[in-house]
Amino acid sequence: MDGHTPSQLPQSELNRITDDLVTQFKTVFDPEIPVDIYELGLIYKVDINDERHVDIEMTLTAPGCPVAGEMPGWVEAAAKRVEGVSSVSVNLVFDPPWTPARMSDEAKLELNML
């Protein structure tokens, strides 16, 4: 045995939490752009461990974004609304830098960029 224990969370529960997190991320908007942070591509990574702790890596459209200090708190609050999540940690990163290429087609359509 390699000492690695399999995940205690069933895949179905991981999938549900992931789907619910995405739903919650879509309730958080960049105040300068009328599109949610998920469709903008600001969420880089989401990890859920066996204790139901969620680690989120996200960025901003620009490092000088006026809500830079508040946005991680909004994302943390949104993630904490998901049933089954025990705790949340949001890490703001700027590498790789965000570009409009990270936006979903839905976001580009919303902003007339298609």
Protein backbone atom coordinates (compact mmCIF):
# COMPACT_ATOMS: atom_id res chain seq x y z
CA MET A 1 0.00 0.00 0.00
CA ASP A 2 1.21 3.47 -0.79
CA GLY A 3 -0.41 5.07 2.25
CA HIS A 4 -2.84 7.09 0.13
CA THR A 5 -6.39 6.84 1.38
CA PRO A 6 -9.16 7.13 -1.16
CA SER A 7 -11.47 10.10 -0.92
CA GLN A 8 -14.06 9.73 1.82
CA LEU A 9 -16.55 11.78 -0.18
CA PRO A 10 -18.56 9.83 -2.72
CA GLN A 11 -18.13 11.08 -6.30
CA SER A 12 -21.84 11.92 -6.45
CA GLU A 13 -21.46 14.22 -3.42
CA LEU A 14 -18.35 15.84 -4.91
CA ASN A 15 -20.25 16.43 -8.15
CA ARG A 16 -23.22 17.96 -6.31
CA ILE A 17 -21.01 20.28 -4.26
CA THR A 18 -19.12 21.30 -7.40
CA ASP A 19 -22.35 22.04 -9.28
CA ASP A 20 -23.71 24.00 -6.31
CA LEU A 21 -20.45 25.98 -6.06
CA VAL A 22 -20.72 26.94 -9.74
CA THR A 23 -24.33 28.03 -9.15
CA GLN A 24 -23.18 30.21 -6.25
CA PHE A 25 -20.20 31.64 -8.18
CA LYS A 26 -22.70 32.78 -10.82
CA THR A 27 -24.36 35.01 -8.19
CA VAL A 28 -21.16 37.08 -7.78
CA PHE A 29 -20.63 39.86 -10.31
CA ASP A 30 -17.70 42.08 -11.14
CA PRO A 31 -19.22 45.54 -10.49
CA GLU A 32 -17.61 46.97 -13.62
CA ILE A 33 -18.78 44.21 -15.99
CA PRO A 34 -22.39 42.92 -16.10
CA VAL A 35 -21.27 39.28 -16.17
CA ASP A 36 -20.76 36.87 -13.27
CA ILE A 37 -17.26 35.88 -12.15
CA TYR A 38 -17.66 32.26 -13.29
CA GLU A 39 -18.55 33.17 -16.88
CA LEU A 40 -15.75 35.78 -16.84
CA GLY A 41 -13.28 33.00 -16.06
CA LEU A 42 -12.11 34.53 -12.79
CA ILE A 43 -12.30 31.21 -10.90
CA TYR A 44 -9.06 29.37 -11.69
CA LYS A 45 -9.23 26.36 -9.38
CA VAL A 46 -11.54 24.74 -6.84
CA ASP A 47 -10.41 21.88 -4.59
CA ILE A 48 -12.65 20.06 -2.12
CA ASN A 49 -10.97 17.87 0.50
CA ASP A 50 -12.37 15.00 2.57
CA GLU A 51 -13.26 17.37 5.41
CA ARG A 52 -15.41 19.34 2.94
CA HIS A 53 -13.04 22.30 3.04
CA VAL A 54 -13.06 24.21 -0.25
CA ASP A 55 -9.90 25.91 -1.55
CA ILE A 56 -10.58 28.45 -4.31
CA GLU A 57 -8.02 30.17 -6.50
CA MET A 58 -9.36 33.19 -8.30
CA THR A 59 -8.18 36.33 -9.99
CA LEU A 60 -9.59 39.74 -10.89
CA THR A 61 -10.02 41.35 -14.29
CA ALA A 62 -7.28 43.81 -13.23
CA PRO A 63 -4.99 43.96 -10.17
CA GLY A 64 -6.24 47.51 -9.48
CA CYS A 65 -9.88 46.43 -9.52
CA PRO A 66 -11.80 48.70 -7.08
CA VAL A 67 -13.30 45.69 -5.30
CA ALA A 68 -10.02 43.75 -5.01
CA GLY A 69 -10.31 43.74 -1.23
CA GLU A 70 -13.98 42.72 -1.22
CA MET A 71 -14.32 40.19 -4.05
CA PRO A 72 -12.62 37.25 -2.23
CA GLY A 73 -15.05 37.76 0.66
CA TRP A 74 -18.01 37.70 -1.71
CA VAL A 75 -16.74 34.46 -3.25
CA GLU A 76 -16.11 32.92 0.19
CA ALA A 77 -19.63 33.86 1.33
CA ALA A 78 -21.13 32.38 -1.86
CA ALA A 79 -19.20 29.11 -1.42
CA LYS A 80 -20.24 28.85 2.25
CA ARG A 81 -23.89 28.88 1.16
CA VAL A 82 -23.40 25.46 -0.44
CA GLU A 83 -24.84 22.62 1.64
CA GLY A 84 -22.12 20.27 2.86
CA VAL A 85 -19.25 22.78 2.71
CA SER A 86 -17.51 22.99 6.09
CA SER A 87 -15.06 25.82 5.43
CA VAL A 88 -13.72 27.94 2.58
CA SER A 89 -10.41 29.56 1.76
CA VAL A 90 -10.09 32.01 -1.16
CA ASN A 91 -6.65 32.76 -2.57
CA LEU A 92 -6.31 35.73 -4.92
CA VAL A 93 -3.71 35.11 -7.64
CA PHE A 94 -2.51 37.17 -10.60
CA ASP A 95 -0.47 34.48 -12.35
CA PRO A 96 -1.51 33.69 -14.97
CA PRO A 97 -3.02 37.12 -15.56
CA TRP A 98 -6.67 37.21 -16.58
CA THR A 99 -7.43 37.99 -20.22
CA PRO A 100 -10.76 38.20 -22.08
CA ALA A 101 -9.83 34.86 -23.70
CA ARG A 102 -10.78 33.19 -20.38
CA MET A 103 -14.39 34.33 -20.74
CA SER A 104 -17.08 31.83 -21.72
CA ASP A 105 -18.88 32.28 -25.02
CA GLU A 106 -21.93 33.25 -22.95
CA ALA A 107 -19.99 36.12 -21.36
CA LYS A 108 -18.57 37.24 -24.71
CA LEU A 109 -22.06 37.23 -26.19
CA GLU A 110 -23.37 39.25 -23.23
CA LEU A 111 -20.64 41.85 -23.81
CA ASN A 112 -21.03 41.81 -27.63
CA MET A 113 -17.53 40.40 -28.07
CA LEU A 114 -18.45 37.50 -30.39
